[in-house]
Amino acid sequence: MMSSISYPHSQKELLRLARGEATQKEFASRLKVDKSCLSRYEGEKLGAPVRVINDCLQIVAERLAQASGPQLAEALEHAKLTVKLLEQ
């Protein structure tokens, strides 16, 4: 669980926040991507696919909901929908 609320401002920050204490190998497996791709996403050398961003938003939303209540999780769900719509 997160000790303080941290809002990601980049792909790198979102991925690292979602990954938490997991290793890149563990988190890549969870996201069903290659570890080398995750490394490039975290280094912002490659744009992560919408599915990966959405999965990370879901993970962060769940953690924030536990830490701060449903309003923030709802706001992150709206952000997730916005990203999905923009990618269409």
PDB file of N, CA and C in Angstrom:
ATOM      1  N   MET A   1       0.840  -1.170   0.000  1.00  0.00           N
ATOM      2  CA  MET A   1       0.000   0.000   0.000  1.00  0.00           C
ATOM      3  C   MET A   1       0.892   1.242   0.000  1.00  0.00           C
ATOM      4  N   MET A   2       0.391   2.303  -0.624  1.00  0.00           N
ATOM      5  CA  MET A   2       1.167   3.529  -0.739  1.00  0.00           C
ATOM      6  C   MET A   2       1.030   4.329   0.545  1.00  0.00           C
ATOM      7  N   SER A   3       2.154   4.859   1.029  1.00  0.00           N
ATOM      8  CA  SER A   3       2.125   5.610   2.274  1.00  0.00           C
ATOM      9  C   SER A   3       1.632   7.032   2.066  1.00  0.00           C
ATOM     10  N   SER A   4       1.885   7.609   0.911  1.00  0.00           N
ATOM     11  CA  SER A   4       1.374   8.935   0.600  1.00  0.00           C
ATOM     12  C   SER A   4       0.916   8.934  -0.845  1.00  0.00           C
ATOM     13  N   ILE A   5      -0.032   9.801  -1.136  1.00  0.00           N
ATOM     14  CA  ILE A   5      -0.572   9.846  -2.485  1.00  0.00           C
ATOM     15  C   ILE A   5       0.420  10.561  -3.385  1.00  0.00           C
ATOM     16  N   SER A   6       0.743   9.917  -4.490  1.00  0.00           N
ATOM     17  CA  SER A   6       1.654  10.471  -5.475  1.00  0.00           C
ATOM     18  C   SER A   6       0.963  10.411  -6.824  1.00  0.00           C
ATOM     19  N   TYR A   7       0.913  11.525  -7.517  1.00  0.00           N
ATOM     20  CA  TYR A   7       0.254  11.578  -8.808  1.00  0.00           C
ATOM     21  C   TYR A   7       1.289  11.529  -9.922  1.00  0.00           C
ATOM     22  N   PRO A   8       1.178  10.557 -10.807  1.00  0.00           N
ATOM     23  CA  PRO A   8       2.149  10.462 -11.900  1.00  0.00           C
ATOM     24  C   PRO A   8       1.939  11.574 -12.924  1.00  0.00           C
ATOM     25  N   HIS A   9       3.044  12.086 -13.444  1.00  0.00           N
ATOM     26  CA  HIS A   9       2.997  13.157 -14.435  1.00  0.00           C
ATOM     27  C   HIS A   9       3.587  12.721 -15.766  1.00  0.00           C
ATOM     28  N   SER A  10       3.982  11.471 -15.877  1.00  0.00           N
ATOM     29  CA  SER A  10       4.572  10.961 -17.108  1.00  0.00           C
ATOM     30  C   SER A  10       4.332   9.461 -17.177  1.00  0.00           C
ATOM     31  N   GLN A  11       4.584   8.910 -18.350  1.00  0.00           N
ATOM     32  CA  GLN A  11       4.485   7.460 -18.523  1.00  0.00           C
ATOM     33  C   GLN A  11       5.418   6.754 -17.556  1.00  0.00           C
ATOM     34  N   LYS A  12       6.643   7.255 -17.440  1.00  0.00           N
ATOM     35  CA  LYS A  12       7.639   6.651 -16.545  1.00  0.00           C
ATOM     36  C   LYS A  12       7.116   6.608 -15.114  1.00  0.00           C
ATOM     37  N   GLU A  13       6.596   7.724 -14.640  1.00  0.00           N
ATOM     38  CA  GLU A  13       6.101   7.786 -13.257  1.00  0.00           C
ATOM     39  C   GLU A  13       4.902   6.869 -13.056  1.00  0.00           C
ATOM     40  N   LEU A  14       3.998   6.807 -14.030  1.00  0.00           N
ATOM     41  CA  LEU A  14       2.833   5.927 -13.916  1.00  0.00           C
ATOM     42  C   LEU A  14       3.265   4.467 -13.825  1.00  0.00           C
ATOM     43  N   LEU A  15       4.167   4.056 -14.703  1.00  0.00           N
ATOM     44  CA  LEU A  15       4.618   2.666 -14.702  1.00  0.00           C
ATOM     45  C   LEU A  15       5.336   2.308 -13.408  1.00  0.00           C
ATOM     46  N   ARG A  16       6.188   3.185 -12.946  1.00  0.00           N
ATOM     47  CA  ARG A  16       6.933   2.888 -11.713  1.00  0.00           C
ATOM     48  C   ARG A  16       6.020   2.893 -10.496  1.00  0.00           C
ATOM     49  N   LEU A  17       5.043   3.786 -10.486  1.00  0.00           N
ATOM     50  CA  LEU A  17       4.085   3.811  -9.381  1.00  0.00           C
ATOM     51  C   LEU A  17       3.259   2.526  -9.382  1.00  0.00           C
ATOM     52  N   ALA A  18       2.818   2.112 -10.549  1.00  0.00           N
ATOM     53  CA  ALA A  18       2.031   0.877 -10.650  1.00  0.00           C
ATOM     54  C   ALA A  18       2.869  -0.344 -10.293  1.00  0.00           C
ATOM     55  N   ARG A  19       4.138  -0.344 -10.694  1.00  0.00           N
ATOM     56  CA  ARG A  19       5.018  -1.491 -10.420  1.00  0.00           C
ATOM     57  C   ARG A  19       5.287  -1.636  -8.933  1.00  0.00           C
ATOM     58  N   GLY A  20       5.403  -0.522  -8.221  1.00  0.00           N
ATOM     59  CA  GLY A  20       5.652  -0.575  -6.784  1.00  0.00           C
ATOM     60  C   GLY A  20       6.934  -1.303  -6.454  1.00  0.00           C
ATOM     61  N   GLU A  21       6.853  -2.276  -5.574  1.00  0.00           N
ATOM     62  CA  GLU A  21       8.014  -3.031  -5.100  1.00  0.00           C
ATOM     63  C   GLU A  21       8.382  -4.206  -6.012  1.00  0.00           C
ATOM     64  N   ALA A  22       7.543  -4.496  -6.997  1.00  0.00           N
ATOM     65  CA  ALA A  22       7.803  -5.632  -7.883  1.00  0.00           C
ATOM     66  C   ALA A  22       9.032  -5.364  -8.753  1.00  0.00           C
ATOM     67  N   THR A  23       9.709  -6.425  -9.125  1.00  0.00           N
ATOM     68  CA  THR A  23      10.823  -6.291 -10.066  1.00  0.00           C
ATOM     69  C   THR A  23      10.251  -6.043 -11.457  1.00  0.00           C
ATOM     70  N   GLN A  24      11.100  -5.572 -12.366  1.00  0.00           N
ATOM     71  CA  GLN A  24      10.646  -5.389 -13.742  1.00  0.00           C
ATOM     72  C   GLN A  24      10.182  -6.724 -14.320  1.00  0.00           C
ATOM     73  N   LYS A  25      10.890  -7.788 -14.022  1.00  0.00           N
ATOM     74  CA  LYS A  25      10.523  -9.107 -14.544  1.00  0.00           C
ATOM     75  C   LYS A  25       9.128  -9.513 -14.052  1.00  0.00           C
ATOM     76  N   GLU A  26       8.879  -9.345 -12.749  1.00  0.00           N
ATOM     77  CA  GLU A  26       7.575  -9.696 -12.174  1.00  0.00           C
ATOM     78  C   GLU A  26       6.456  -8.843 -12.783  1.00  0.00           C
ATOM     79  N   PHE A  27       6.716  -7.538 -12.880  1.00  0.00           N
ATOM     80  CA  PHE A  27       5.683  -6.636 -13.376  1.00  0.00           C
ATOM     81  C   PHE A  27       5.438  -6.847 -14.869  1.00  0.00           C
ATOM     82  N   ALA A  28       6.487  -7.092 -15.637  1.00  0.00           N
ATOM     83  CA  ALA A  28       6.332  -7.376 -17.062  1.00  0.00           C
ATOM     84  C   ALA A  28       5.458  -8.608 -17.259  1.00  0.00           C
ATOM     85  N   SER A  29       5.672  -9.614 -16.437  1.00  0.00           N
ATOM     86  CA  SER A  29       4.865 -10.828 -16.511  1.00  0.00           C
ATOM     87  C   SER A  29       3.400 -10.511 -16.214  1.00  0.00           C
ATOM     88  N   ARG A  30       3.161  -9.696 -15.202  1.00  0.00           N
ATOM     89  CA  ARG A  30       1.792  -9.312 -14.847  1.00  0.00           C
ATOM     90  C   ARG A  30       1.112  -8.558 -15.988  1.00  0.00           C
ATOM     91  N   LEU A  31       1.889  -7.696 -16.661  1.00  0.00           N
ATOM     92  CA  LEU A  31       1.342  -6.911 -17.771  1.00  0.00           C
ATOM     93  C   LEU A  31       1.326  -7.679 -19.092  1.00  0.00           C
ATOM     94  N   LYS A  32       1.929  -8.872 -19.084  1.00  0.00           N
ATOM     95  CA  LYS A  32       2.029  -9.700 -20.290  1.00  0.00           C
ATOM     96  C   LYS A  32       2.809  -8.993 -21.399  1.00  0.00           C
ATOM     97  N   VAL A  33       3.944  -8.407 -20.998  1.00  0.00           N
ATOM     98  CA  VAL A  33       4.868  -7.792 -21.953  1.00  0.00           C
ATOM     99  C   VAL A  33       6.270  -8.314 -21.667  1.00  0.00           C
ATOM    100  N   ASP A  34       7.147  -8.172 -22.618  1.00  0.00           N
ATOM    101  CA  ASP A  34       8.539  -8.561 -22.440  1.00  0.00           C
ATOM    102  C   ASP A  34       9.220  -7.593 -21.477  1.00  0.00           C
ATOM    103  N   LYS A  35      10.122  -8.094 -20.647  1.00  0.00           N
ATOM    104  CA  LYS A  35      10.840  -7.252 -19.689  1.00  0.00           C
ATOM    105  C   LYS A  35      11.594  -6.118 -20.375  1.00  0.00           C
ATOM    106  N   SER A  36      12.174  -6.409 -21.556  1.00  0.00           N
ATOM    107  CA  SER A  36      12.915  -5.360 -22.270  1.00  0.00           C
ATOM    108  C   SER A  36      11.972  -4.249 -22.746  1.00  0.00           C
ATOM    109  N   CYS A  37      10.743  -4.602 -23.106  1.00  0.00           N
ATOM    110  CA  CYS A  37       9.758  -3.579 -23.481  1.00  0.00           C
ATOM    111  C   CYS A  37       9.386  -2.733 -22.272  1.00  0.00           C
ATOM    112  N   LEU A  38       9.164  -3.376 -21.129  1.00  0.00           N
ATOM    113  CA  LEU A  38       8.841  -2.627 -19.921  1.00  0.00           C
ATOM    114  C   LEU A  38       9.961  -1.655 -19.587  1.00  0.00           C
ATOM    115  N   SER A  39      11.187  -2.100 -19.713  1.00  0.00           N
ATOM    116  CA  SER A  39      12.327  -1.230 -19.452  1.00  0.00           C
ATOM    117  C   SER A  39      12.307  -0.018 -20.378  1.00  0.00           C
ATOM    118  N   ARG A  40      11.996  -0.227 -21.641  1.00  0.00           N
ATOM    119  CA  ARG A  40      11.927   0.889 -22.596  1.00  0.00           C
ATOM    120  C   ARG A  40      10.741   1.800 -22.298  1.00  0.00           C
ATOM    121  N   TYR A  41       9.623   1.216 -21.860  1.00  0.00           N
ATOM    122  CA  TYR A  41       8.478   2.049 -21.483  1.00  0.00           C
ATOM    123  C   TYR A  41       8.836   2.919 -20.286  1.00  0.00           C
ATOM    124  N   GLU A  42       9.460   2.311 -19.275  1.00  0.00           N
ATOM    125  CA  GLU A  42       9.837   3.058 -18.073  1.00  0.00           C
ATOM    126  C   GLU A  42      10.886   4.124 -18.372  1.00  0.00           C
ATOM    127  N   GLY A  43      11.754   3.867 -19.326  1.00  0.00           N
ATOM    128  CA  GLY A  43      12.775   4.842 -19.709  1.00  0.00           C
ATOM    129  C   GLY A  43      12.258   5.861 -20.706  1.00  0.00           C
ATOM    130  N   GLU A  44      10.993   5.724 -21.069  1.00  0.00           N
ATOM    131  CA  GLU A  44      10.327   6.592 -22.044  1.00  0.00           C
ATOM    132  C   GLU A  44      11.046   6.597 -23.393  1.00  0.00           C
ATOM    133  N   LYS A  45      11.645   5.461 -23.723  1.00  0.00           N
ATOM    134  CA  LYS A  45      12.271   5.290 -25.033  1.00  0.00           C
ATOM    135  C   LYS A  45      11.278   4.698 -26.021  1.00  0.00           C
ATOM    136  N   LEU A  46      10.139   4.227 -25.505  1.00  0.00           N
ATOM    137  CA  LEU A  46       9.090   3.621 -26.309  1.00  0.00           C
ATOM    138  C   LEU A  46       7.763   3.921 -25.637  1.00  0.00           C
ATOM    139  N   GLY A  47       6.804   4.343 -26.441  1.00  0.00           N
ATOM    140  CA  GLY A  47       5.475   4.605 -25.882  1.00  0.00           C
ATOM    141  C   GLY A  47       4.770   3.311 -25.557  1.00  0.00           C
ATOM    142  N   ALA A  48       4.233   3.242 -24.359  1.00  0.00           N
ATOM    143  CA  ALA A  48       3.512   2.042 -23.935  1.00  0.00           C
ATOM    144  C   ALA A  48       2.167   1.975 -24.651  1.00  0.00           C
ATOM    145  N   PRO A  49       1.727   0.773 -25.007  1.00  0.00           N
ATOM    146  CA  PRO A  49       0.406   0.618 -25.622  1.00  0.00           C
ATOM    147  C   PRO A  49      -0.700   1.042 -24.646  1.00  0.00           C
ATOM    148  N   VAL A  50      -1.835   1.406 -25.202  1.00  0.00           N
ATOM    149  CA  VAL A  50      -2.970   1.834 -24.384  1.00  0.00           C
ATOM    150  C   VAL A  50      -3.333   0.776 -23.356  1.00  0.00           C
ATOM    151  N   ARG A  51      -3.289  -0.489 -23.729  1.00  0.00           N
ATOM    152  CA  ARG A  51      -3.636  -1.570 -22.788  1.00  0.00           C
ATOM    153  C   ARG A  51      -2.745  -1.534 -21.565  1.00  0.00           C
ATOM    154  N   VAL A  52      -1.445  -1.301 -21.753  1.00  0.00           N
ATOM    155  CA  VAL A  52      -0.500  -1.250 -20.630  1.00  0.00           C
ATOM    156  C   VAL A  52      -0.788  -0.030 -19.756  1.00  0.00           C
ATOM    157  N   ILE A  53      -1.026   1.115 -20.383  1.00  0.00           N
ATOM    158  CA  ILE A  53      -1.354   2.332 -19.627  1.00  0.00           C
ATOM    159  C   ILE A  53      -2.638   2.110 -18.835  1.00  0.00           C
ATOM    160  N   ASN A  54      -3.647   1.519 -19.472  1.00  0.00           N
ATOM    161  CA  ASN A  54      -4.907   1.255 -18.776  1.00  0.00           C
ATOM    162  C   ASN A  54      -4.721   0.297 -17.609  1.00  0.00           C
ATOM    163  N   ASP A  55      -3.919  -0.749 -17.804  1.00  0.00           N
ATOM    164  CA  ASP A  55      -3.658  -1.686 -16.711  1.00  0.00           C
ATOM    165  C   ASP A  55      -2.970  -0.979 -15.543  1.00  0.00           C
ATOM    166  N   CYS A  56      -2.014  -0.110 -15.855  1.00  0.00           N
ATOM    167  CA  CYS A  56      -1.307   0.627 -14.808  1.00  0.00           C
ATOM    168  C   CYS A  56      -2.237   1.610 -14.096  1.00  0.00           C
ATOM    169  N   LEU A  57      -3.104   2.282 -14.864  1.00  0.00           N
ATOM    170  CA  LEU A  57      -4.082   3.182 -14.243  1.00  0.00           C
ATOM    171  C   LEU A  57      -5.003   2.419 -13.296  1.00  0.00           C
ATOM    172  N   GLN A  58      -5.390   1.214 -13.692  1.00  0.00           N
ATOM    173  CA  GLN A  58      -6.256   0.394 -12.841  1.00  0.00           C
ATOM    174  C   GLN A  58      -5.549   0.024 -11.539  1.00  0.00           C
ATOM    175  N   ILE A  59      -4.291  -0.370 -11.641  1.00  0.00           N
ATOM    176  CA  ILE A  59      -3.519  -0.736 -10.452  1.00  0.00           C
ATOM    177  C   ILE A  59      -3.396   0.457  -9.507  1.00  0.00           C
ATOM    178  N   VAL A  60      -3.039   1.613 -10.071  1.00  0.00           N
ATOM    179  CA  VAL A  60      -2.880   2.824  -9.254  1.00  0.00           C
ATOM    180  C   VAL A  60      -4.223   3.237  -8.655  1.00  0.00           C
ATOM    181  N   ALA A  61      -5.291   3.162  -9.449  1.00  0.00           N
ATOM    182  CA  ALA A  61      -6.623   3.524  -8.952  1.00  0.00           C
ATOM    183  C   ALA A  61      -7.029   2.656  -7.761  1.00  0.00           C
ATOM    184  N   GLU A  62      -6.751   1.359  -7.854  1.00  0.00           N
ATOM    185  CA  GLU A  62      -7.096   0.460  -6.757  1.00  0.00           C
ATOM    186  C   GLU A  62      -6.321   0.810  -5.491  1.00  0.00           C
ATOM    187  N   ARG A  63      -5.039   1.113  -5.641  1.00  0.00           N
ATOM    188  CA  ARG A  63      -4.234   1.474  -4.474  1.00  0.00           C
ATOM    189  C   ARG A  63      -4.689   2.797  -3.872  1.00  0.00           C
ATOM    190  N   LEU A  64      -4.977   3.769  -4.730  1.00  0.00           N
ATOM    191  CA  LEU A  64      -5.412   5.071  -4.238  1.00  0.00           C
ATOM    192  C   LEU A  64      -6.780   4.986  -3.581  1.00  0.00           C
ATOM    193  N   ALA A  65      -7.649   4.137  -4.113  1.00  0.00           N
ATOM    194  CA  ALA A  65      -8.969   3.964  -3.512  1.00  0.00           C
ATOM    195  C   ALA A  65      -8.842   3.420  -2.094  1.00  0.00           C
ATOM    196  N   GLN A  66      -7.902   2.506  -1.901  1.00  0.00           N
ATOM    197  CA  GLN A  66      -7.679   1.950  -0.565  1.00  0.00           C
ATOM    198  C   GLN A  66      -7.128   3.018   0.370  1.00  0.00           C
ATOM    199  N   ALA A  67      -6.289   3.900  -0.173  1.00  0.00           N
ATOM    200  CA  ALA A  67      -5.626   4.906   0.658  1.00  0.00           C
ATOM    201  C   ALA A  67      -6.463   6.153   0.878  1.00  0.00           C
ATOM    202  N   SER A  68      -7.334   6.504  -0.099  1.00  0.00           N
ATOM    203  CA  SER A  68      -7.975   7.809   0.001  1.00  0.00           C
ATOM    204  C   SER A  68      -9.464   7.838  -0.278  1.00  0.00           C
ATOM    205  N   GLY A  69     -10.062   6.736  -0.561  1.00  0.00           N
ATOM    206  CA  GLY A  69     -11.495   6.722  -0.801  1.00  0.00           C
ATOM    207  C   GLY A  69     -11.861   6.658  -2.271  1.00  0.00           C
ATOM    208  N   PRO A  70     -13.139   6.487  -2.551  1.00  0.00           N
ATOM    209  CA  PRO A  70     -13.596   6.227  -3.907  1.00  0.00           C
ATOM    210  C   PRO A  70     -13.547   7.414  -4.863  1.00  0.00           C
ATOM    211  N   GLN A  71     -13.543   8.655  -4.389  1.00  0.00           N
ATOM    212  CA  GLN A  71     -13.573   9.801  -5.292  1.00  0.00           C
ATOM    213  C   GLN A  71     -12.355   9.840  -6.207  1.00  0.00           C
ATOM    214  N   LEU A  72     -11.190   9.595  -5.662  1.00  0.00           N
ATOM    215  CA  LEU A  72      -9.974   9.626  -6.462  1.00  0.00           C
ATOM    216  C   LEU A  72      -9.937   8.465  -7.440  1.00  0.00           C
ATOM    217  N   ALA A  73     -10.368   7.310  -7.009  1.00  0.00           N
ATOM    218  CA  ALA A  73     -10.410   6.154  -7.903  1.00  0.00           C
ATOM    219  C   ALA A  73     -11.358   6.425  -9.065  1.00  0.00           C
ATOM    220  N   GLU A  74     -12.467   7.069  -8.783  1.00  0.00           N
ATOM    221  CA  GLU A  74     -13.426   7.418  -9.830  1.00  0.00           C
ATOM    222  C   GLU A  74     -12.799   8.400 -10.824  1.00  0.00           C
ATOM    223  N   ALA A  75     -12.054   9.379 -10.322  1.00  0.00           N
ATOM    224  CA  ALA A  75     -11.374  10.334 -11.198  1.00  0.00           C
ATOM    225  C   ALA A  75     -10.363   9.626 -12.087  1.00  0.00           C
ATOM    226  N   LEU A  76      -9.631   8.659 -11.548  1.00  0.00           N
ATOM    227  CA  LEU A  76      -8.671   7.908 -12.356  1.00  0.00           C
ATOM    228  C   LEU A  76      -9.371   7.047 -13.399  1.00  0.00           C
ATOM    229  N   GLU A  77     -10.543   6.536 -13.082  1.00  0.00           N
ATOM    230  CA  GLU A  77     -11.305   5.767 -14.066  1.00  0.00           C
ATOM    231  C   GLU A  77     -11.713   6.672 -15.235  1.00  0.00           C
ATOM    232  N   HIS A  78     -12.067   7.919 -14.922  1.00  0.00           N
ATOM    233  CA  HIS A  78     -12.395   8.875 -15.983  1.00  0.00           C
ATOM    234  C   HIS A  78     -11.160   9.158 -16.835  1.00  0.00           C
ATOM    235  N   ALA A  79      -9.998   9.285 -16.216  1.00  0.00           N
ATOM    236  CA  ALA A  79      -8.748   9.509 -16.958  1.00  0.00           C
ATOM    237  C   ALA A  79      -8.458   8.313 -17.855  1.00  0.00           C
ATOM    238  N   LYS A  80      -8.687   7.129 -17.350  1.00  0.00           N
ATOM    239  CA  LYS A  80      -8.469   5.907 -18.134  1.00  0.00           C
ATOM    240  C   LYS A  80      -9.372   5.904 -19.377  1.00  0.00           C
ATOM    241  N   LEU A  81     -10.636   6.275 -19.204  1.00  0.00           N
ATOM    242  CA  LEU A  81     -11.565   6.330 -20.324  1.00  0.00           C
ATOM    243  C   LEU A  81     -11.123   7.387 -21.330  1.00  0.00           C
ATOM    244  N   THR A  82     -10.655   8.515 -20.845  1.00  0.00           N
ATOM    245  CA  THR A  82     -10.185   9.583 -21.729  1.00  0.00           C
ATOM    246  C   THR A  82      -9.029   9.106 -22.589  1.00  0.00           C
ATOM    247  N   VAL A  83      -8.046   8.424 -21.973  1.00  0.00           N
ATOM    248  CA  VAL A  83      -6.917   7.901 -22.730  1.00  0.00           C
ATOM    249  C   VAL A  83      -7.412   6.933 -23.797  1.00  0.00           C
ATOM    250  N   LYS A  84      -8.323   6.077 -23.445  1.00  0.00           N
ATOM    251  CA  LYS A  84      -8.851   5.094 -24.399  1.00  0.00           C
ATOM    252  C   LYS A  84      -9.535   5.788 -25.575  1.00  0.00           C
ATOM    253  N   LEU A  85     -10.340   6.798 -25.279  1.00  0.00           N
ATOM    254  CA  LEU A  85     -11.038   7.520 -26.337  1.00  0.00           C
ATOM    255  C   LEU A  85     -10.084   8.296 -27.239  1.00  0.00           C
ATOM    256  N   LEU A  86      -9.049   8.856 -26.659  1.00  0.00           N
ATOM    257  CA  LEU A  86      -8.073   9.606 -27.447  1.00  0.00           C
ATOM    258  C   LEU A  86      -7.280   8.715 -28.396  1.00  0.00           C
ATOM    259  N   GLU A  87      -7.097   7.456 -28.019  1.00  0.00           N
ATOM    260  CA  GLU A  87      -6.322   6.529 -28.834  1.00  0.00           C
ATOM    261  C   GLU A  87      -7.133   5.936 -29.987  1.00  0.00           C
ATOM    262  N   GLN A  88      -8.441   6.151 -29.988  1.00  0.00           N
ATOM    263  CA  GLN A  88      -9.294   5.586 -31.059  1.00  0.00           C
ATOM    264  C   GLN A  88      -9.205   6.395 -32.325  1.00  0.00           C
TER     265      GLN A  88
END
